[in-house]
Amino acid sequence: MMKRIAAAAAAMLLALCCTVPALAADGYKYSYTYTYDYWEDVRESPDAYRVKMMISTAEFEDIGGLKNPQGLFVRNRDAYICDTGNNRVIQIRLKDDGFERVRVIDSFTGETSPTTFNSPRDIYVMEDGTMFIADYSNNRVVRLDRDLNWELSFTKPTDNNFDQNAEFLPRKLVADVVGRVYVLSQNVNKGIVKFEADGQFNGFIGANKVRVNLYDQMWKMIATKEQRARMESFVPTEYENIALDPDGFFYVVTKTFNENELRSGSADPVRRLNAVGNNILVQNGAFWVIGDLEWAAGNTNLTHRGPSKFADVTVLQDDIYMVLDSTHNRIFGYDQQGNMLWGFGGVGNADGFFNNPMAIEHMGTDLLILDAGGAYGGSLTVMTPTEYGQMVYTAIHQYRTGDYDGSAKTWTDVLSRNGNSDSAYIGIGRALLQQEKYDEAMSYFKAAEDDKNYSEAWRLRRMELVEQNIVPIFIVVAAILVLPPLIRRIKKIKWEVKMFHE
């Protein structure tokens, strides 16, 4: 309760200073951009992003509005919107003064049937223009060349590892550089469905762990055979969305977890999977990668109540990733170490707020958010970093490229604009650590309550102290080891001499 009162007071004070606040789901106010400190209290931040433009396809002649759009993909300066309810994909291109229509993709040419789409949910486009479209209600993924000629269909595997009683309903997908396709299917709970470039099914990747609660385990032990047969099977859950980072790793998000799992860190709502499906996402931040830490328990609107649940993820340069929260309609940014950089957004019709966000992509450091709510059946919001946001990106990039002095200076500039930024304290500390300035680094880690990095800096400082004082240490150790036996030996000799003379 005290944490909420403190957060409310801070937000009200900020509002008086002309910062535009966003109404949180439980009634008290956050500034538009915020983060959390070590004690999980809300800390206001300068805005990291601002709205650059917001468009509806109805603005383009003869296209009309969107209908239940589900998917978004960006390649270079082109954006592809899966207009699911209208059975089409809309390709638009960014120009200096906004987007222009390139084409409406609602059919293709080829030796397959049908040559139209039925509820397309997602699209992935290769550098050469090859398209993979998740044609959901046609139970297939189609591969088209850049001129919309059909090349191949990826359909339900006949392998016994794939449940033959289940339909193949591809919702989300990505493809690697050699044309292998990785699909999230509605009825598959074994992980990501993998197809080779020739269409052959090649198993599953990264199945969710089976989660069984204690009550169900005990009940199964005493239940009859008939009762056990009627009980729900303990099966892994589906992933909600998937993205591919520049290094070829999969980022996936899931919405299936309970609050205890979320608090304990066992839920892993965001995961980075390697080729064999192991989660290698680094979470060295002060808290888990779970979005909002305040869950608005008092909110009467059930739609926007409870913990953050991520609908999508996109990965920028330097392993910075953005997740789209469909509970509170917010965006959260994290660095490679799992430190929260910022959170912003909210529910509403104003610029920078969303009604029903479905997908997030990036174009450089600009963010594109597909909103299925609002007028004309949906819209696309483009957000661009502010000077503050770009400064954070610069500091991280400088560190990743070995410019530790430059990174420390840029993080210092960030800190001068936002004294609440634990990321700045940690960033300066890490840069000083690389410069072997351990005492200074420890002071910054201590300011951010970063125990992990503080311990590492202290370990390296101890090693440095040992190296600098190795000779005195050797003399002291040698004296401790040698002097007592030597003294005892001398005393014994004296005693023996004394006894001889007597």
Protein backbone atom coordinates (compact mmCIF):
# COMPACT_ATOMS: atom_id res chain seq x y z
CA MET A 1 0.00 0.00 0.00
CA MET A 2 2.79 2.41 0.90
CA LYS A 3 4.45 1.71 -2.45
CA ARG A 4 1.27 2.73 -4.26
CA ILE A 5 0.88 5.91 -2.22
CA ALA A 6 4.52 6.84 -2.96
CA ALA A 7 4.09 6.13 -6.66
CA ALA A 8 0.88 8.16 -6.77
CA ALA A 9 2.53 11.11 -5.04
CA ALA A 10 5.49 11.02 -7.40
CA ALA A 11 3.26 10.85 -10.46
CA MET A 12 1.07 13.74 -9.25
CA LEU A 13 4.15 15.88 -8.62
CA LEU A 14 5.40 15.10 -12.11
CA ALA A 15 2.03 16.03 -13.57
CA LEU A 16 2.33 19.46 -11.97
CA CYS A 17 5.63 19.82 -13.80
CA CYS A 18 3.76 19.50 -17.12
CA THR A 19 4.62 15.89 -17.88
CA VAL A 20 1.68 14.23 -19.62
CA PRO A 21 0.57 11.34 -17.39
CA ALA A 22 -1.04 8.07 -18.40
CA LEU A 23 -3.81 6.65 -16.24
CA ALA A 24 -2.76 3.27 -14.92
CA ALA A 25 -5.22 0.40 -14.79
CA ASP A 26 -5.61 0.60 -11.00
CA GLY A 27 -6.39 4.30 -10.92
CA TYR A 28 -3.12 6.03 -10.02
CA LYS A 29 -0.97 7.80 -12.56
CA TYR A 30 2.29 6.88 -14.21
CA SER A 31 4.20 9.31 -16.35
CA TYR A 32 4.03 8.15 -19.94
CA THR A 33 7.50 6.58 -19.79
CA TYR A 34 8.67 4.92 -16.61
CA THR A 35 10.75 2.11 -15.17
CA TYR A 36 11.17 0.41 -11.78
CA ASP A 37 13.93 0.70 -9.21
CA TYR A 38 15.52 -2.09 -7.16
CA TRP A 39 12.62 -2.00 -4.68
CA GLU A 40 10.10 -2.33 -7.54
CA ASP A 41 8.83 1.22 -7.11
CA VAL A 42 7.75 3.19 -10.17
CA ARG A 43 10.35 5.71 -11.34
CA GLU A 44 9.41 8.36 -13.89
CA SER A 45 11.60 8.77 -16.95
CA PRO A 46 11.98 11.16 -19.87
CA ASP A 47 10.03 9.85 -22.83
CA ALA A 48 12.05 7.32 -24.80
CA TYR A 49 9.74 7.38 -27.84
CA ARG A 50 7.31 9.76 -29.47
CA VAL A 51 4.66 9.13 -32.11
CA LYS A 52 5.98 9.89 -35.57
CA MET A 53 2.82 9.05 -37.49
CA MET A 54 -0.31 6.95 -37.32
CA ILE A 55 -1.98 5.64 -40.45
CA SER A 56 -5.01 3.67 -41.47
CA THR A 57 -5.19 1.78 -44.76
CA ALA A 58 -8.43 3.64 -45.39
CA GLU A 59 -6.23 6.59 -46.25
CA PHE A 60 -5.14 4.78 -49.41
CA GLU A 61 -7.50 4.88 -52.35
CA ASP A 62 -9.52 1.70 -53.01
CA ILE A 63 -8.07 -0.24 -50.06
CA GLY A 64 -10.59 0.53 -47.32
CA GLY A 65 -10.16 -0.17 -43.63
CA LEU A 66 -8.63 -3.16 -41.92
CA LYS A 67 -10.63 -6.04 -40.47
CA ASN A 68 -9.15 -7.97 -37.55
CA PRO A 69 -5.50 -7.55 -38.63
CA GLN A 70 -3.27 -10.15 -36.95
CA GLY A 71 0.25 -9.96 -38.37
CA LEU A 72 2.95 -7.43 -39.24
CA PHE A 73 6.37 -7.78 -40.82
CA VAL A 74 9.03 -5.25 -41.81
CA ARG A 75 11.78 -5.73 -44.38
CA ASN A 76 13.96 -2.68 -45.08
CA ARG A 77 11.47 0.16 -45.66
CA ASP A 78 8.49 -2.04 -46.52
CA ALA A 79 5.79 -3.04 -44.05
CA TYR A 80 3.45 -5.97 -44.66
CA ILE A 81 0.12 -6.04 -42.80
CA CYS A 82 -1.89 -9.27 -42.59
CA ASP A 83 -5.43 -7.95 -42.98
CA THR A 84 -6.84 -11.23 -41.72
CA GLY A 85 -10.56 -10.49 -41.84
CA ASN A 86 -10.29 -9.23 -45.43
CA ASN A 87 -8.20 -12.25 -46.55
CA ARG A 88 -5.31 -10.21 -47.85
CA VAL A 89 -1.84 -8.80 -47.17
CA ILE A 90 -1.18 -5.10 -47.67
CA GLN A 91 2.33 -3.97 -48.60
CA ILE A 92 3.21 -0.34 -47.91
CA ARG A 93 6.52 1.51 -48.23
CA LEU A 94 7.94 4.30 -46.08
CA LYS A 95 8.78 7.51 -47.89
CA ASP A 96 10.09 10.79 -46.51
CA ASP A 97 6.58 12.15 -45.96
CA GLY A 98 4.84 8.92 -44.92
CA PHE A 99 3.80 5.57 -46.34
CA GLU A 100 2.68 4.81 -49.86
CA ARG A 101 0.75 1.77 -51.02
CA VAL A 102 2.82 -0.76 -52.95
CA ARG A 103 0.24 -3.48 -53.55
CA VAL A 104 -2.61 -5.49 -52.10
CA ILE A 105 -1.79 -9.20 -52.09
CA ASP A 106 -5.02 -11.17 -52.15
CA SER A 107 -4.20 -13.85 -54.69
CA PHE A 108 -1.28 -15.46 -56.48
CA THR A 109 -0.45 -17.53 -59.56
CA GLY A 110 0.53 -21.16 -59.44
CA GLU A 111 -0.27 -24.84 -59.74
CA THR A 112 -2.11 -25.13 -56.46
CA SER A 113 -5.59 -24.51 -55.17
CA PRO A 114 -6.93 -22.25 -53.88
CA THR A 115 -4.87 -19.33 -55.13
CA THR A 116 -6.46 -16.96 -52.62
CA PHE A 117 -6.03 -16.63 -48.86
CA ASN A 118 -8.36 -17.52 -46.03
CA SER A 119 -7.59 -15.66 -42.78
CA PRO A 120 -3.86 -15.08 -43.29
CA ARG A 121 -2.33 -14.59 -39.83
CA ASP A 122 1.34 -13.82 -40.45
CA ILE A 123 3.97 -13.19 -43.11
CA TYR A 124 7.76 -13.41 -43.35
CA VAL A 125 9.68 -11.89 -46.27
CA MET A 126 13.25 -12.80 -47.28
CA GLU A 127 15.83 -10.33 -48.56
CA ASP A 128 15.18 -11.46 -52.14
CA GLY A 129 11.44 -10.84 -51.77
CA THR A 130 10.38 -14.45 -51.25
CA MET A 131 7.28 -14.55 -49.04
CA PHE A 132 6.04 -17.11 -46.54
CA ILE A 133 2.40 -16.54 -45.58
CA ALA A 134 0.59 -18.36 -42.77
CA ASP A 135 -2.68 -19.11 -44.59
CA TYR A 136 -4.49 -20.10 -41.40
CA SER A 137 -7.90 -21.34 -42.52
CA ASN A 138 -6.47 -22.97 -45.65
CA ASN A 139 -4.28 -25.09 -43.33
CA ARG A 140 -1.01 -24.23 -45.03
CA VAL A 141 1.98 -21.97 -45.32
CA VAL A 142 2.52 -20.81 -48.89
CA ARG A 143 5.85 -19.72 -50.34
CA LEU A 144 5.64 -17.13 -53.12
CA ASP A 145 8.34 -15.41 -55.11
CA ARG A 146 8.53 -11.62 -55.20
CA ASP A 147 6.20 -11.57 -58.22
CA LEU A 148 3.55 -13.62 -56.38
CA ASN A 149 4.18 -16.87 -58.19
CA TRP A 150 3.49 -19.92 -56.05
CA GLU A 151 6.54 -22.06 -55.28
CA LEU A 152 5.59 -24.44 -52.48
CA SER A 153 3.01 -25.19 -49.79
CA PHE A 154 3.91 -26.39 -46.31
CA THR A 155 1.01 -28.49 -45.08
CA LYS A 156 0.10 -30.83 -42.24
CA PRO A 157 2.93 -33.31 -41.62
CA THR A 158 2.07 -36.98 -42.05
CA ASP A 159 4.70 -37.92 -39.47
CA ASN A 160 3.39 -39.77 -36.39
CA ASN A 161 5.09 -37.18 -34.16
CA PHE A 162 2.46 -34.72 -35.36
CA ASP A 163 -1.00 -35.37 -33.94
CA GLN A 164 -2.92 -36.67 -36.92
CA ASN A 165 -6.25 -35.82 -35.26
CA ALA A 166 -5.32 -32.14 -35.11
CA GLU A 167 -5.70 -29.61 -37.89
CA PHE A 168 -2.68 -27.70 -39.13
CA LEU A 169 -3.52 -24.09 -38.32
CA PRO A 170 -0.40 -21.92 -38.79
CA ARG A 171 -0.63 -18.70 -36.77
CA LYS A 172 2.90 -17.28 -36.71
CA LEU A 173 6.11 -18.04 -38.56
CA VAL A 174 9.68 -17.09 -39.38
CA ALA A 175 12.18 -18.40 -41.93
CA ASP A 176 15.97 -18.63 -41.84
CA VAL A 177 18.44 -17.61 -44.54
CA VAL A 178 18.33 -21.01 -46.28
CA GLY A 179 14.54 -21.14 -46.42
CA ARG A 180 13.73 -23.39 -43.47
CA VAL A 181 10.36 -22.44 -42.00
CA TYR A 182 9.48 -22.38 -38.30
CA VAL A 183 5.76 -22.31 -37.53
CA LEU A 184 3.56 -21.82 -34.49
CA SER A 185 0.39 -23.83 -35.09
CA GLN A 186 -2.84 -23.42 -33.15
CA ASN A 187 -3.18 -27.10 -32.27
CA VAL A 188 0.46 -27.91 -31.57
CA ASN A 189 1.78 -28.00 -28.01
CA LYS A 190 5.17 -29.58 -28.69
CA GLY A 191 6.92 -26.35 -29.59
CA ILE A 192 7.86 -24.76 -32.90
CA VAL A 193 7.09 -26.84 -36.01
CA LYS A 194 10.18 -27.02 -38.23
CA PHE A 195 10.04 -27.54 -42.02
CA GLU A 196 13.03 -27.91 -44.31
CA ALA A 197 13.24 -25.67 -47.37
CA ASP A 198 11.80 -28.46 -49.53
CA GLY A 199 8.70 -28.69 -47.35
CA GLN A 200 9.70 -31.77 -45.34
CA PHE A 201 8.67 -31.82 -41.69
CA ASN A 202 11.72 -31.99 -39.41
CA GLY A 203 10.31 -32.17 -35.88
CA PHE A 204 9.79 -29.63 -33.12
CA ILE A 205 11.95 -27.07 -31.34
CA GLY A 206 11.68 -25.65 -27.82
CA ALA A 207 8.64 -27.36 -26.34
CA ASN A 208 7.26 -25.62 -23.27
CA LYS A 209 7.87 -27.41 -20.01
CA VAL A 210 4.93 -29.36 -18.59
CA ARG A 211 3.61 -27.54 -15.53
CA VAL A 212 1.61 -29.57 -13.01
CA ASN A 213 0.31 -28.10 -9.77
CA LEU A 214 0.54 -29.99 -6.48
CA TYR A 215 -3.22 -30.41 -6.10
CA ASP A 216 -3.58 -32.11 -9.49
CA GLN A 217 -0.62 -34.36 -8.78
CA MET A 218 -2.11 -35.55 -5.48
CA TRP A 219 -5.55 -35.99 -7.00
CA LYS A 220 -4.20 -38.18 -9.80
CA MET A 221 -2.56 -40.42 -7.19
CA ILE A 222 -5.88 -41.25 -5.52
CA ALA A 223 -8.27 -40.94 -8.47
CA THR A 224 -9.83 -43.96 -10.13
CA LYS A 225 -8.93 -44.96 -13.66
CA GLU A 226 -12.15 -43.44 -14.98
CA GLN A 227 -11.56 -40.19 -13.09
CA ARG A 228 -8.01 -39.92 -14.41
CA ALA A 229 -9.29 -40.47 -17.93
CA ARG A 230 -11.66 -37.54 -17.55
CA MET A 231 -9.00 -35.24 -16.17
CA GLU A 232 -7.32 -32.71 -18.39
CA SER A 233 -4.03 -34.00 -19.76
CA PHE A 234 -0.84 -32.32 -18.56
CA VAL A 235 0.50 -30.94 -21.82
CA PRO A 236 2.89 -28.10 -22.63
CA THR A 237 1.28 -24.85 -23.73
CA GLU A 238 1.57 -22.98 -27.00
CA TYR A 239 3.79 -19.99 -27.76
CA GLU A 240 1.98 -16.79 -28.60
CA ASN A 241 4.45 -15.32 -31.10
CA ILE A 242 7.92 -15.74 -32.54
CA ALA A 243 10.71 -13.51 -33.90
CA LEU A 244 14.14 -14.21 -35.33
CA ASP A 245 17.10 -12.10 -34.20
CA PRO A 246 20.09 -11.17 -36.43
CA ASP A 247 22.13 -14.05 -34.99
CA GLY A 248 19.54 -16.67 -35.90
CA PHE A 249 18.11 -17.22 -32.41
CA PHE A 250 14.37 -17.47 -31.81
CA TYR A 251 12.62 -15.08 -29.46
CA VAL A 252 9.25 -16.42 -28.35
CA VAL A 253 6.56 -15.18 -25.95
CA THR A 254 3.97 -17.16 -24.05
CA LYS A 255 0.89 -16.10 -22.09
CA THR A 256 0.26 -19.31 -20.16
CA PHE A 257 1.47 -19.05 -16.57
CA ASN A 258 0.15 -18.24 -13.12
CA GLU A 259 1.17 -15.34 -10.90
CA ASN A 260 3.31 -17.47 -8.60
CA GLU A 261 5.34 -18.72 -11.56
CA LEU A 262 5.72 -15.15 -12.76
CA ARG A 263 6.98 -13.85 -9.41
CA SER A 264 9.36 -16.79 -8.91
CA GLY A 265 10.92 -16.45 -12.34
CA SER A 266 9.84 -19.89 -13.55
CA ALA A 267 7.25 -18.63 -16.04
CA ASP A 268 9.74 -17.23 -18.60
CA PRO A 269 7.14 -15.27 -20.64
CA VAL A 270 9.99 -14.20 -22.96
CA ARG A 271 12.54 -16.74 -24.13
CA ARG A 272 15.51 -16.80 -26.44
CA LEU A 273 15.87 -20.26 -27.92
CA ASN A 274 18.92 -21.73 -29.58
CA ALA A 275 18.79 -24.32 -32.38
CA VAL A 276 18.05 -27.18 -29.99
CA GLY A 277 15.35 -25.27 -28.12
CA ASN A 278 17.21 -24.31 -24.93
CA ASN A 279 16.29 -20.97 -23.37
CA ILE A 280 19.43 -18.80 -23.29
CA LEU A 281 17.79 -15.46 -22.46
CA VAL A 282 19.98 -13.58 -19.98
CA GLN A 283 18.09 -12.20 -16.96
CA ASN A 284 20.65 -10.40 -14.81
CA GLY A 285 18.40 -7.45 -14.03
CA ALA A 286 17.01 -6.55 -10.63
CA PHE A 287 13.78 -8.37 -11.51
CA TRP A 288 12.54 -10.88 -14.06
CA VAL A 289 11.57 -9.95 -17.61
CA ILE A 290 7.83 -9.80 -16.95
CA GLY A 291 6.74 -6.28 -17.92
CA ASP A 292 4.76 -4.41 -15.27
CA LEU A 293 5.50 -5.22 -11.64
CA GLU A 294 2.30 -3.56 -10.38
CA TRP A 295 -0.66 -5.67 -11.45
CA ALA A 296 -3.58 -3.37 -10.80
CA ALA A 297 -5.50 -5.74 -8.54
CA GLY A 298 -8.16 -3.12 -7.86
CA ASN A 299 -9.07 -2.51 -11.48
CA THR A 300 -12.68 -3.33 -12.33
CA ASN A 301 -11.96 -3.64 -16.06
CA LEU A 302 -11.04 -7.31 -16.38
CA THR A 303 -9.66 -6.79 -19.88
CA HIS A 304 -6.76 -4.70 -18.60
CA ARG A 305 -6.28 -6.31 -15.20
CA GLY A 306 -3.51 -8.54 -13.94
CA PRO A 307 0.08 -9.21 -15.00
CA SER A 308 1.52 -8.25 -18.36
CA LYS A 309 0.97 -10.82 -21.08
CA PHE A 310 3.06 -10.40 -24.18
CA ALA A 311 1.50 -10.62 -27.63
CA ASP A 312 4.69 -10.09 -29.63
CA VAL A 313 8.42 -9.38 -29.49
CA THR A 314 10.88 -7.70 -31.84
CA VAL A 315 14.68 -7.63 -31.58
CA LEU A 316 16.71 -4.53 -32.42
CA GLN A 317 20.44 -4.01 -32.79
CA ASP A 318 22.73 -5.00 -29.88
CA ASP A 319 20.25 -7.61 -28.60
CA ILE A 320 17.83 -4.96 -27.34
CA TYR A 321 14.32 -6.34 -27.51
CA MET A 322 10.84 -4.85 -27.22
CA VAL A 323 7.82 -6.77 -26.00
CA LEU A 324 4.19 -5.81 -26.57
CA ASP A 325 1.95 -6.14 -23.52
CA SER A 326 -1.63 -6.93 -24.52
CA THR A 327 -2.92 -6.65 -20.92
CA HIS A 328 -2.05 -3.00 -20.34
CA ASN A 329 -1.35 -2.12 -24.01
CA ARG A 330 2.20 -1.10 -23.23
CA ILE A 331 5.66 -1.61 -24.69
CA PHE A 332 8.63 -2.67 -22.58
CA GLY A 333 12.27 -2.48 -23.66
CA TYR A 334 15.10 -4.63 -22.28
CA ASP A 335 18.83 -4.75 -22.91
CA GLN A 336 20.94 -7.86 -23.45
CA GLN A 337 21.35 -8.39 -19.69
CA GLY A 338 17.63 -8.24 -19.02
CA ASN A 339 17.66 -4.74 -17.50
CA MET A 340 14.41 -2.89 -18.12
CA LEU A 341 15.15 0.24 -20.16
CA TRP A 342 11.63 1.67 -20.18
CA GLY A 343 7.93 1.00 -20.32
CA PHE A 344 5.40 3.22 -22.08
CA GLY A 345 1.98 3.20 -23.70
CA GLY A 346 -1.44 2.43 -22.29
CA VAL A 347 -5.10 1.99 -23.13
CA GLY A 348 -6.80 4.75 -25.10
CA ASN A 349 -7.24 6.59 -28.38
CA ALA A 350 -4.60 9.29 -27.92
CA ASP A 351 -1.26 9.21 -29.72
CA GLY A 352 0.98 6.58 -28.16
CA PHE A 353 -1.93 4.63 -26.66
CA PHE A 354 -3.60 1.53 -28.08
CA ASN A 355 -6.94 -0.26 -28.11
CA ASN A 356 -6.04 -3.79 -29.18
CA PRO A 357 -2.33 -4.07 -30.08
CA MET A 358 -1.57 -7.23 -32.03
CA ALA A 359 2.00 -6.98 -33.32
CA ILE A 360 5.19 -4.98 -33.01
CA GLU A 361 8.06 -4.62 -35.50
CA HIS A 362 10.96 -2.26 -35.93
CA MET A 363 12.47 -0.28 -38.78
CA GLY A 364 15.93 0.66 -37.52
CA THR A 365 15.14 2.00 -34.06
CA ASP A 366 11.64 3.12 -35.07
CA LEU A 367 8.83 0.94 -33.75
CA LEU A 368 5.73 -0.05 -35.72
CA ILE A 369 2.71 -1.19 -33.72
CA LEU A 370 -0.31 -2.81 -35.36
CA ASP A 371 -3.52 -1.98 -33.48
CA ALA A 372 -6.64 -3.99 -34.37
CA GLY A 373 -8.90 -1.59 -32.44
CA GLY A 374 -10.16 1.90 -33.11
CA ALA A 375 -11.59 3.44 -36.25
CA TYR A 376 -11.42 1.75 -39.66
CA GLY A 377 -10.80 -1.63 -38.04
CA GLY A 378 -7.22 -0.89 -37.07
CA SER A 379 -4.19 1.31 -37.57
CA LEU A 380 -0.42 1.33 -37.72
CA THR A 381 1.47 3.58 -35.32
CA VAL A 382 5.08 4.51 -36.01
CA MET A 383 7.12 5.65 -33.01
CA THR A 384 10.61 7.11 -33.17
CA PRO A 385 13.18 7.50 -30.38
CA THR A 386 13.49 10.84 -28.63
CA GLU A 387 16.92 12.34 -28.02
CA TYR A 388 16.91 10.58 -24.66
CA GLY A 389 15.96 7.21 -26.16
CA GLN A 390 18.60 7.49 -28.89
CA MET A 391 21.19 8.36 -26.25
CA VAL A 392 20.47 5.08 -24.45
CA TYR A 393 20.85 3.14 -27.70
CA THR A 394 24.16 4.91 -28.39
CA ALA A 395 25.53 4.09 -24.94
CA ILE A 396 24.67 0.40 -25.33
CA HIS A 397 26.13 0.24 -28.85
CA GLN A 398 29.36 1.92 -27.73
CA TYR A 399 29.78 -0.66 -24.98
CA ARG A 400 29.05 -3.57 -27.34
CA THR A 401 31.66 -2.32 -29.83
CA GLY A 402 34.38 -1.84 -27.19
CA ASP A 403 34.21 1.94 -26.83
CA TYR A 404 34.02 1.79 -23.04
CA ASP A 405 35.15 5.36 -22.43
CA GLY A 406 32.57 6.67 -24.90
CA SER A 407 29.87 4.47 -23.37
CA ALA A 408 30.62 5.75 -19.86
CA LYS A 409 30.41 9.37 -21.08
CA THR A 410 27.12 8.76 -22.90
CA TRP A 411 25.62 6.98 -19.90
CA THR A 412 26.69 9.96 -17.78
CA ASP A 413 24.71 12.21 -20.14
CA VAL A 414 21.74 9.84 -19.75
CA LEU A 415 22.08 10.08 -15.98
CA SER A 416 22.13 13.87 -16.13
CA ARG A 417 18.71 13.72 -17.82
CA ASN A 418 17.28 10.94 -15.71
CA GLY A 419 18.64 10.45 -12.20
CA ASN A 420 16.19 7.55 -11.76
CA SER A 421 17.88 5.44 -14.44
CA ASP A 422 19.40 2.35 -12.84
CA SER A 423 20.42 1.30 -16.36
CA ALA A 424 22.66 4.38 -16.53
CA TYR A 425 24.35 3.58 -13.21
CA ILE A 426 24.84 -0.02 -14.31
CA GLY A 427 26.03 1.02 -17.77
CA ILE A 428 28.65 3.37 -16.32
CA GLY A 429 29.72 0.70 -13.86
CA ARG A 430 30.12 -1.94 -16.57
CA ALA A 431 32.14 0.45 -18.73
CA LEU A 432 34.42 1.26 -15.78
CA LEU A 433 34.73 -2.45 -15.09
CA GLN A 434 36.09 -3.01 -18.58
CA GLN A 435 38.57 -0.18 -17.96
CA GLU A 436 39.69 -1.95 -14.76
CA LYS A 437 38.50 0.93 -12.60
CA TYR A 438 37.03 -1.41 -10.04
CA ASP A 439 36.54 0.94 -7.09
CA GLU A 440 34.68 3.46 -9.22
CA ALA A 441 32.63 0.70 -10.83
CA MET A 442 31.60 -0.63 -7.42
CA SER A 443 30.30 2.79 -6.40
CA TYR A 444 27.96 2.89 -9.43
CA PHE A 445 26.80 -0.70 -8.94
CA LYS A 446 26.09 0.08 -5.30
CA ALA A 447 23.99 3.09 -6.31
CA ALA A 448 21.86 0.79 -8.50
CA GLU A 449 21.77 -1.96 -5.85
CA ASP A 450 23.28 -4.27 -8.47
CA ASP A 451 24.65 -7.06 -6.29
CA LYS A 452 25.78 -9.30 -9.15
CA ASN A 453 27.97 -6.76 -10.88
CA TYR A 454 29.16 -5.35 -7.54
CA SER A 455 30.34 -8.82 -6.51
CA GLU A 456 32.14 -9.27 -9.83
CA ALA A 457 33.86 -5.87 -9.48
CA TRP A 458 34.91 -6.73 -5.91
CA ARG A 459 36.26 -10.12 -7.03
CA LEU A 460 38.38 -8.47 -9.71
CA ARG A 461 39.51 -5.80 -7.22
CA ARG A 462 40.65 -8.51 -4.82
CA MET A 463 42.61 -10.18 -7.60
CA GLU A 464 44.20 -6.84 -8.46
CA LEU A 465 45.16 -6.27 -4.81
CA VAL A 466 46.74 -9.72 -4.67
CA GLU A 467 48.75 -9.08 -7.86
CA GLN A 468 49.90 -5.67 -6.64
CA ASN A 469 51.03 -7.02 -3.26
CA ILE A 470 52.22 -10.49 -4.23
CA VAL A 471 55.74 -10.03 -2.77
CA PRO A 472 54.64 -8.77 0.67
CA ILE A 473 51.92 -11.42 0.70
CA PHE A 474 54.47 -14.11 -0.18
CA ILE A 475 56.78 -12.90 2.62
CA VAL A 476 53.95 -12.87 5.15
CA VAL A 477 52.70 -16.31 4.10
CA ALA A 478 56.20 -17.68 4.14
CA ALA A 479 56.80 -16.20 7.55
CA ILE A 480 53.58 -17.74 8.84
CA LEU A 481 54.54 -21.13 7.47
CA VAL A 482 58.27 -21.09 8.25
CA LEU A 483 58.77 -19.09 11.46
CA PRO A 484 56.75 -21.22 13.93
CA PRO A 485 58.54 -24.49 13.03
CA LEU A 486 61.87 -22.66 12.99
CA ILE A 487 61.26 -21.17 16.42
CA ARG A 488 60.21 -24.55 17.76
CA ARG A 489 63.36 -26.10 16.29
CA ILE A 490 65.57 -23.44 17.84
CA LYS A 491 63.94 -23.92 21.23
CA LYS A 492 64.46 -27.68 20.96
CA ILE A 493 68.13 -27.26 20.10
CA LYS A 494 68.59 -24.88 23.03
CA TRP A 495 66.90 -27.35 25.34
CA GLU A 496 69.07 -30.23 24.06
CA VAL A 497 72.25 -28.15 24.53
CA LYS A 498 71.18 -27.22 28.02
CA MET A 499 70.44 -30.83 28.93
CA PHE A 500 73.87 -31.94 27.54
CA HIS A 501 75.75 -29.43 29.70
CA GLU A 502 73.82 -30.44 32.77
